[in-house]
C-alpha atoms as a PDB file:
ATOM      1  CA  MET A   1       0.000   0.000   0.000  1.00  0.00           C
ATOM      2  CA  ARG A   2       1.044   3.574  -0.624  1.00  0.00           C
ATOM      3  CA  VAL A   3       0.228   6.099   2.106  1.00  0.00           C
ATOM      4  CA  ILE A   4       0.689   9.851   1.857  1.00  0.00           C
ATOM      5  CA  SER A   5       0.888  11.905   5.051  1.00  0.00           C
ATOM      6  CA  TYR A   6       0.735  15.686   4.769  1.00  0.00           C
ATOM      7  CA  ASN A   7       0.525  18.571   7.226  1.00  0.00           C
ATOM      8  CA  LEU A   8      -1.373  21.134   5.159  1.00  0.00           C
ATOM      9  CA  ASN A   9      -0.182  24.145   7.197  1.00  0.00           C
ATOM     10  CA  LYS A  10      -3.568  25.597   8.109  1.00  0.00           C
ATOM     11  CA  HIS A  11      -5.099  24.064   4.953  1.00  0.00           C
ATOM     12  CA  ARG A  12      -2.857  26.130   2.636  1.00  0.00           C
ATOM     13  CA  ALA A  13      -1.758  23.083   0.638  1.00  0.00           C
ATOM     14  CA  ALA A  14      -5.227  21.531   0.222  1.00  0.00           C
ATOM     15  CA  ASN A  15      -5.375  22.235  -3.509  1.00  0.00           C
ATOM     16  CA  GLU A  16      -2.320  19.985  -4.046  1.00  0.00           C
ATOM     17  CA  LEU A  17      -3.987  16.795  -2.824  1.00  0.00           C
ATOM     18  CA  GLU A  18      -5.642  15.620  -6.048  1.00  0.00           C
ATOM     19  CA  GLU A  19      -2.364  15.791  -7.960  1.00  0.00           C
ATOM     20  CA  LEU A  20      -0.381  14.210  -5.123  1.00  0.00           C
ATOM     21  CA  VAL A  21      -2.679  11.203  -4.892  1.00  0.00           C
ATOM     22  CA  ASP A  22      -2.814  10.738  -8.668  1.00  0.00           C
ATOM     23  CA  GLN A  23       0.902  11.219  -9.241  1.00  0.00           C
ATOM     24  CA  HIS A  24       2.009   8.771  -6.553  1.00  0.00           C
ATOM     25  CA  GLY A  25      -0.810   6.236  -6.789  1.00  0.00           C
ATOM     26  CA  ALA A  26      -1.691   6.576  -3.127  1.00  0.00           C
ATOM     27  CA  ASN A  27      -4.500   4.440  -1.751  1.00  0.00           C
ATOM     28  CA  LEU A  28      -4.433   6.014   1.717  1.00  0.00           C
ATOM     29  CA  LEU A  29      -4.145   9.686   2.651  1.00  0.00           C
ATOM     30  CA  CYS A  30      -3.583  11.020   6.174  1.00  0.00           C
ATOM     31  CA  LEU A  31      -3.879  14.756   6.764  1.00  0.00           C
ATOM     32  CA  GLN A  32      -2.998  17.157   9.548  1.00  0.00           C
ATOM     33  CA  GLU A  33      -3.969  20.845   9.897  1.00  0.00           C
ATOM     34  CA  ALA A  34      -6.852  20.372   7.487  1.00  0.00           C
ATOM     35  CA  ASP A  35      -9.899  22.628   7.468  1.00  0.00           C
ATOM     36  CA  THR A  36     -12.195  19.741   8.260  1.00  0.00           C
ATOM     37  CA  GLU A  37     -15.353  21.738   7.537  1.00  0.00           C
ATOM     38  CA  SER A  38     -14.368  22.210   3.899  1.00  0.00           C
ATOM     39  CA  LEU A  39     -12.843  18.825   3.116  1.00  0.00           C
ATOM     40  CA  PRO A  40     -14.450  17.056   0.147  1.00  0.00           C
ATOM     41  CA  THR A  41     -16.004  13.609   0.441  1.00  0.00           C
ATOM     42  CA  THR A  42     -13.575  12.260  -2.153  1.00  0.00           C
ATOM     43  CA  ILE A  43     -10.084  13.207  -3.324  1.00  0.00           C
ATOM     44  CA  ALA A  44      -8.791  11.622  -6.547  1.00  0.00           C
ATOM     45  CA  GLY A  45     -10.891   8.510  -5.976  1.00  0.00           C
ATOM     46  CA  LEU A  46     -10.154   8.250  -2.244  1.00  0.00           C
ATOM     47  CA  ARG A  47     -13.117   8.426   0.148  1.00  0.00           C
ATOM     48  CA  LEU A  48     -13.120  10.291   3.421  1.00  0.00           C
ATOM     49  CA  ALA A  49     -13.256   7.755   6.252  1.00  0.00           C
ATOM     50  CA  GLU A  50     -13.464  10.378   8.980  1.00  0.00           C
ATOM     51  CA  ALA A  51     -12.277  13.830   9.997  1.00  0.00           C
ATOM     52  CA  THR A  52     -12.008  15.300  13.470  1.00  0.00           C
ATOM     53  CA  THR A  53     -14.769  17.723  14.453  1.00  0.00           C
ATOM     54  CA  ARG A  54     -13.815  19.484  17.674  1.00  0.00           C
ATOM     55  CA  ASN A  55     -11.553  21.997  15.931  1.00  0.00           C
ATOM     56  CA  ARG A  56     -11.778  23.528  12.488  1.00  0.00           C
ATOM     57  CA  LEU A  57      -8.152  22.601  11.744  1.00  0.00           C
ATOM     58  CA  GLY A  58      -7.727  18.919  12.386  1.00  0.00           C
ATOM     59  CA  LEU A  59      -7.056  15.437  11.076  1.00  0.00           C
ATOM     60  CA  ALA A  60      -8.523  13.338   8.281  1.00  0.00           C
ATOM     61  CA  VAL A  61      -8.036   9.881   6.756  1.00  0.00           C
ATOM     62  CA  TYR A  62      -9.000   8.933   3.190  1.00  0.00           C
ATOM     63  CA  TYR A  63      -8.972   5.417   1.675  1.00  0.00           C
ATOM     64  CA  ARG A  64      -9.512   3.792  -1.725  1.00  0.00           C
ATOM     65  CA  GLU A  65     -12.918   2.093  -1.681  1.00  0.00           C
ATOM     66  CA  ASN A  66     -12.119  -0.654  -4.200  1.00  0.00           C
ATOM     67  CA  THR A  67      -9.142  -1.695  -2.073  1.00  0.00           C
ATOM     68  CA  PHE A  68     -10.303  -1.221   1.513  1.00  0.00           C
ATOM     69  CA  THR A  69     -13.480  -1.134   3.590  1.00  0.00           C
ATOM     70  CA  ALA A  70     -13.677   1.210   6.578  1.00  0.00           C
ATOM     71  CA  LEU A  71     -14.948  -0.624   9.667  1.00  0.00           C
ATOM     72  CA  GLU A  72     -14.418   1.553  12.745  1.00  0.00           C
ATOM     73  CA  VAL A  73     -12.996   4.940  13.731  1.00  0.00           C
ATOM     74  CA  ARG A  74     -11.309   6.195  16.886  1.00  0.00           C
ATOM     75  CA  THR A  75     -10.222   9.724  17.863  1.00  0.00           C
ATOM     76  CA  LEU A  76      -8.174  10.777  20.871  1.00  0.00           C
ATOM     77  CA  ALA A  77      -7.813  14.053  22.753  1.00  0.00           C
ATOM     78  CA  VAL A  78      -4.372  13.515  24.285  1.00  0.00           C
ATOM     79  CA  LYS A  79      -2.726  15.299  27.220  1.00  0.00           C
ATOM     80  CA  LYS A  80      -2.490  19.009  26.367  1.00  0.00           C
ATOM     81  CA  SER A  81       0.514  21.305  26.225  1.00  0.00           C
ATOM     82  CA  MET A  82       0.396  24.888  27.499  1.00  0.00           C
ATOM     83  CA  HIS A  83       0.154  25.965  23.846  1.00  0.00           C
ATOM     84  CA  ASP A  84      -2.996  23.860  23.478  1.00  0.00           C
ATOM     85  CA  MET A  85      -4.522  25.255  26.663  1.00  0.00           C
ATOM     86  CA  VAL A  86      -3.954  28.895  25.721  1.00  0.00           C
ATOM     87  CA  LEU A  87      -4.424  28.949  21.941  1.00  0.00           C
ATOM     88  CA  LYS A  88      -6.600  25.820  21.617  1.00  0.00           C
ATOM     89  CA  PRO A  89      -5.287  24.795  18.172  1.00  0.00           C
ATOM     90  CA  ALA A  90      -6.398  21.191  18.507  1.00  0.00           C
ATOM     91  CA  GLU A  91      -8.472  18.961  20.751  1.00  0.00           C
ATOM     92  CA  GLU A  92      -8.044  15.670  18.920  1.00  0.00           C
ATOM     93  CA  ARG A  93      -4.466  14.826  17.970  1.00  0.00           C
ATOM     94  CA  MET A  94      -5.003  11.264  16.724  1.00  0.00           C
ATOM     95  CA  LEU A  95      -7.522   9.808  14.282  1.00  0.00           C
ATOM     96  CA  GLY A  96      -7.417   6.060  13.692  1.00  0.00           C
ATOM     97  CA  VAL A  97      -9.397   3.908  11.256  1.00  0.00           C
ATOM     98  CA  ARG A  98      -9.727   0.111  11.220  1.00  0.00           C
ATOM     99  CA  LEU A  99      -9.784  -1.071   7.607  1.00  0.00           C
ATOM    100  CA  HIS A 100     -10.403  -4.356   5.841  1.00  0.00           C
ATOM    101  CA  ASP A 101      -8.017  -5.163   2.984  1.00  0.00           C
ATOM    102  CA  ILE A 102     -10.358  -6.631   0.369  1.00  0.00           C
ATOM    103  CA  ASP A 103      -7.736  -8.500  -1.688  1.00  0.00           C
ATOM    104  CA  HIS A 104      -5.832  -9.984   1.249  1.00  0.00           C
ATOM    105  CA  GLY A 105      -8.812 -10.571   3.538  1.00  0.00           C
ATOM    106  CA  ARG A 106      -7.061  -8.939   6.489  1.00  0.00           C
ATOM    107  CA  GLU A 107      -7.757  -6.045   8.824  1.00  0.00           C
ATOM    108  CA  PHE A 108      -5.342  -3.338   9.882  1.00  0.00           C
ATOM    109  CA  VAL A 109      -5.311   0.108  11.473  1.00  0.00           C
ATOM    110  CA  VAL A 110      -4.067   3.351   9.942  1.00  0.00           C
ATOM    111  CA  ALA A 111      -3.904   6.633  11.830  1.00  0.00           C
ATOM    112  CA  SER A 112      -3.128  10.298  11.319  1.00  0.00           C
ATOM    113  CA  PHE A 113      -1.257  11.888  14.233  1.00  0.00           C
ATOM    114  CA  HIS A 114      -0.243  15.444  15.135  1.00  0.00           C
ATOM    115  CA  ALA A 115       1.855  15.928  18.272  1.00  0.00           C
ATOM    116  CA  ALA A 116       2.025  19.086  20.365  1.00  0.00           C
ATOM    117  CA  PRO A 117       4.078  21.945  18.859  1.00  0.00           C
ATOM    118  CA  LEU A 118       7.710  22.740  19.609  1.00  0.00           C
ATOM    119  CA  THR A 119       6.731  24.950  22.554  1.00  0.00           C
ATOM    120  CA  ALA A 120       5.965  21.726  24.447  1.00  0.00           C
ATOM    121  CA  LEU A 121       8.513  19.336  25.925  1.00  0.00           C
ATOM    122  CA  ASN A 122       9.568  16.108  24.248  1.00  0.00           C
ATOM    123  CA  SER A 123       8.367  14.296  27.362  1.00  0.00           C
ATOM    124  CA  LEU A 124       4.818  15.478  26.666  1.00  0.00           C
ATOM    125  CA  ARG A 125       5.020  14.393  23.042  1.00  0.00           C
ATOM    126  CA  ARG A 126       6.183  10.942  24.152  1.00  0.00           C
ATOM    127  CA  LYS A 127       3.152  10.714  26.445  1.00  0.00           C
ATOM    128  CA  GLN A 128       0.928  11.724  23.516  1.00  0.00           C
ATOM    129  CA  ILE A 129       2.496   9.116  21.245  1.00  0.00           C
ATOM    130  CA  ARG A 130       2.097   6.383  23.847  1.00  0.00           C
ATOM    131  CA  ALA A 131      -1.526   7.396  24.531  1.00  0.00           C
ATOM    132  CA  ALA A 132      -2.267   7.361  20.798  1.00  0.00           C
ATOM    133  CA  LEU A 133      -0.755   3.890  20.346  1.00  0.00           C
ATOM    134  CA  ASP A 134      -2.654   2.579  23.358  1.00  0.00           C
ATOM    135  CA  GLU A 135      -5.914   3.948  21.954  1.00  0.00           C
ATOM    136  CA  LEU A 136      -5.245   2.452  18.519  1.00  0.00           C
ATOM    137  CA  SER A 137      -4.762  -0.975  20.103  1.00  0.00           C
ATOM    138  CA  THR A 138      -8.419  -0.864  21.190  1.00  0.00           C
ATOM    139  CA  LEU A 139      -9.475  -0.956  17.529  1.00  0.00           C
ATOM    140  CA  GLY A 140      -8.462  -4.599  17.344  1.00  0.00           C
ATOM    141  CA  SER A 141      -6.274  -7.058  19.188  1.00  0.00           C
ATOM    142  CA  ASP A 142      -2.871  -7.573  17.534  1.00  0.00           C
ATOM    143  CA  LEU A 143      -3.855  -5.831  14.296  1.00  0.00           C
ATOM    144  CA  PRO A 144      -1.080  -4.401  12.108  1.00  0.00           C
ATOM    145  CA  THR A 145      -0.970  -0.680  12.841  1.00  0.00           C
ATOM    146  CA  LEU A 146       0.554   2.267  10.987  1.00  0.00           C
ATOM    147  CA  MET A 147       0.479   5.759  12.532  1.00  0.00           C
ATOM    148  CA  VAL A 148       1.836   8.546  10.334  1.00  0.00           C
ATOM    149  CA  GLY A 149       1.914  12.289  10.741  1.00  0.00           C
ATOM    150  CA  ASP A 150       3.646  15.300  12.238  1.00  0.00           C
ATOM    151  CA  TYR A 151       5.471  14.213  15.401  1.00  0.00           C
ATOM    152  CA  ASN A 152       7.129  17.622  16.004  1.00  0.00           C
ATOM    153  CA  TYR A 153      10.232  15.801  17.241  1.00  0.00           C
ATOM    154  CA  PRO A 154      13.273  17.320  15.507  1.00  0.00           C
ATOM    155  CA  VAL A 155      16.003  16.173  17.944  1.00  0.00           C
ATOM    156  CA  TYR A 156      16.796  13.171  20.154  1.00  0.00           C
ATOM    157  CA  LYS A 157      15.004  10.863  17.744  1.00  0.00           C
ATOM    158  CA  GLU A 158      17.249   7.983  18.853  1.00  0.00           C
ATOM    159  CA  SER A 159      15.662   8.222  22.305  1.00  0.00           C
ATOM    160  CA  LEU A 160      12.220   8.386  20.725  1.00  0.00           C
ATOM    161  CA  ALA A 161      12.992   5.309  18.614  1.00  0.00           C
ATOM    162  CA  GLN A 162      13.928   3.397  21.761  1.00  0.00           C
ATOM    163  CA  PHE A 163      10.788   4.619  23.524  1.00  0.00           C
ATOM    164  CA  VAL A 164       8.687   3.384  20.598  1.00  0.00           C
ATOM    165  CA  ARG A 165      10.507   0.015  20.541  1.00  0.00           C
ATOM    166  CA  ASP A 166       9.817  -0.398  24.244  1.00  0.00           C
ATOM    167  CA  ALA A 167       6.116   0.014  23.405  1.00  0.00           C
ATOM    168  CA  GLY A 168       6.400  -2.759  20.794  1.00  0.00           C
ATOM    169  CA  TYR A 169       6.510  -0.571  17.672  1.00  0.00           C
ATOM    170  CA  VAL A 170       9.058   0.545  15.094  1.00  0.00           C
ATOM    171  CA  LEU A 171       9.864   4.170  14.258  1.00  0.00           C
ATOM    172  CA  THR A 172      10.761   4.868  10.614  1.00  0.00           C
ATOM    173  CA  LEU A 173      12.031   8.178   9.221  1.00  0.00           C
ATOM    174  CA  SER A 174      11.832   9.397   5.641  1.00  0.00           C
ATOM    175  CA  ASP A 175      14.841   9.678   3.355  1.00  0.00           C
ATOM    176  CA  SER A 176      15.266  13.448   3.837  1.00  0.00           C
ATOM    177  CA  ARG A 177      14.035  16.252   6.072  1.00  0.00           C
ATOM    178  CA  THR A 178      10.370  17.187   6.037  1.00  0.00           C
ATOM    179  CA  TYR A 179      10.273  20.649   7.647  1.00  0.00           C
ATOM    180  CA  THR A 180      12.000  23.780   6.360  1.00  0.00           C
ATOM    181  CA  ARG A 181      10.284  26.823   7.827  1.00  0.00           C
ATOM    182  CA  TYR A 182      12.770  27.932  10.478  1.00  0.00           C
ATOM    183  CA  LYS A 183      16.537  27.756  10.022  1.00  0.00           C
ATOM    184  CA  TYR A 184      17.196  26.223  13.442  1.00  0.00           C
ATOM    185  CA  SER A 185      14.179  23.901  13.445  1.00  0.00           C
ATOM    186  CA  ARG A 186      14.662  22.163  10.123  1.00  0.00           C
ATOM    187  CA  GLY A 187      14.710  18.417  10.086  1.00  0.00           C
ATOM    188  CA  HIS A 188      12.626  15.252  10.189  1.00  0.00           C
ATOM    189  CA  TYR A 189       9.233  15.999  11.714  1.00  0.00           C
ATOM    190  CA  ASP A 190       6.936  13.697   9.741  1.00  0.00           C
ATOM    191  CA  PHE A 191       7.426   9.954  10.017  1.00  0.00           C
ATOM    192  CA  ALA A 192       5.803   6.628  10.826  1.00  0.00           C
ATOM    193  CA  THR A 193       5.287   4.337  13.798  1.00  0.00           C
ATOM    194  CA  SER A 194       4.253   0.798  12.959  1.00  0.00           C
ATOM    195  CA  VAL A 195       3.811  -2.790  14.034  1.00  0.00           C
ATOM    196  CA  GLY A 196       2.924  -5.736  11.796  1.00  0.00           C
ATOM    197  CA  PHE A 197       3.947  -3.873   8.630  1.00  0.00           C
ATOM    198  CA  ASP A 198       6.947  -4.272   6.356  1.00  0.00           C
ATOM    199  CA  ILE A 199       7.920  -0.729   5.349  1.00  0.00           C
ATOM    200  CA  SER A 200       9.996  -0.734   2.194  1.00  0.00           C
ATOM    201  CA  SER A 201      10.529   3.038   2.010  1.00  0.00           C
ATOM    202  CA  ILE A 202       9.432   6.449   3.216  1.00  0.00           C
ATOM    203  CA  THR A 203      10.101   9.166   0.662  1.00  0.00           C
ATOM    204  CA  THR A 204       9.972  12.903   1.263  1.00  0.00           C
ATOM    205  CA  LEU A 205       8.074  14.436  -1.654  1.00  0.00           C
ATOM    206  CA  PRO A 206       8.745  17.886  -3.148  1.00  0.00           C
ATOM    207  CA  GLN A 207       7.650  20.906  -1.137  1.00  0.00           C
ATOM    208  CA  GLY A 208       4.427  22.693  -1.988  1.00  0.00           C
ATOM    209  CA  ALA A 209       2.543  25.465  -0.211  1.00  0.00           C
ATOM    210  CA  SER A 210       3.022  23.966   3.259  1.00  0.00           C
ATOM    211  CA  ASP A 211       6.016  24.411   5.565  1.00  0.00           C
ATOM    212  CA  HIS A 212       5.966  20.603   5.865  1.00  0.00           C
ATOM    213  CA  LEU A 213       6.866  18.358   2.959  1.00  0.00           C
ATOM    214  CA  PRO A 214       4.516  15.417   2.322  1.00  0.00           C
ATOM    215  CA  ILE A 215       5.852  11.905   2.821  1.00  0.00           C
ATOM    216  CA  LEU A 216       5.035   8.741   0.876  1.00  0.00           C
ATOM    217  CA  VAL A 217       5.077   5.505   2.864  1.00  0.00           C
ATOM    218  CA  GLU A 218       5.308   2.262   0.910  1.00  0.00           C
ATOM    219  CA  ALA A 219       4.330  -0.640   3.148  1.00  0.00           C
ATOM    220  CA  SER A 220       2.859  -4.108   3.075  1.00  0.00           C
ATOM    221  CA  LEU A 221       1.173  -6.247   5.693  1.00  0.00           C
ATOM    222  CA  GLY A 222       3.671  -8.459   7.470  1.00  0.00           C
ATOM    223  CA  ALA A 223       3.308 -12.151   8.192  1.00  0.00           C
ATOM    224  CA  ARG A 224       0.355 -13.062  10.373  1.00  0.00           C
ATOM    225  CA  ARG A 225       1.207 -13.481  14.027  1.00  0.00           C
ATOM    226  CA  LEU A 226       0.686 -16.941  15.455  1.00  0.00           C
ATOM    227  CA  ALA A 227      -1.807 -17.133  18.275  1.00  0.00           C
ATOM    228  CA  ALA A 228      -0.315 -17.862  21.683  1.00  0.00           C
ATOM    229  CA  GLY A 229      -0.769 -21.410  22.946  1.00  0.00           C
END
């Protein structure tokens, strides 16, 4: 499967989505900072599974209907940073969807995630990531899970990778940096956390109107886990 994740920067890059999906043959699309009130029902043949509703700028997940069937949705309002409390940019920072892969007869979970901004501490973002992964696990026991998005974690990613491994997941970065707005904050911000997937590549796509560059995740479902006992 081919998954595009894109922080639209207050919806500024929304008009790029049709071309992005078509050009890269994406069958899943995960958005952050989308104007959820104006999102279309379909984008280049992908159907909107769900979008967050408690803030105008939020998260959305789209899927290709002839490839997947949407079964269940979960959103999560994670622990807030001071930035969130004062400016209230987002209530829900994770949107997960349980999907059925029609061709392979298997279920999996895909999620769009947006961590607290750089004004927050890395420790808070780790708590948000762990809370999001815990919530996604309630969508199905031992289902393959892929959470992509803007992690706002430009430094100490080795520590984050270990934290994610301790939770039973794998952290995968793209092939080049994904954020360019500020000279001293450039780096990898958008990446993937997964379990039960074989990720062959994560490619940073060319920059558009957003301060984030979209990423393209190419992944396949891993081998089925054997039941205990």
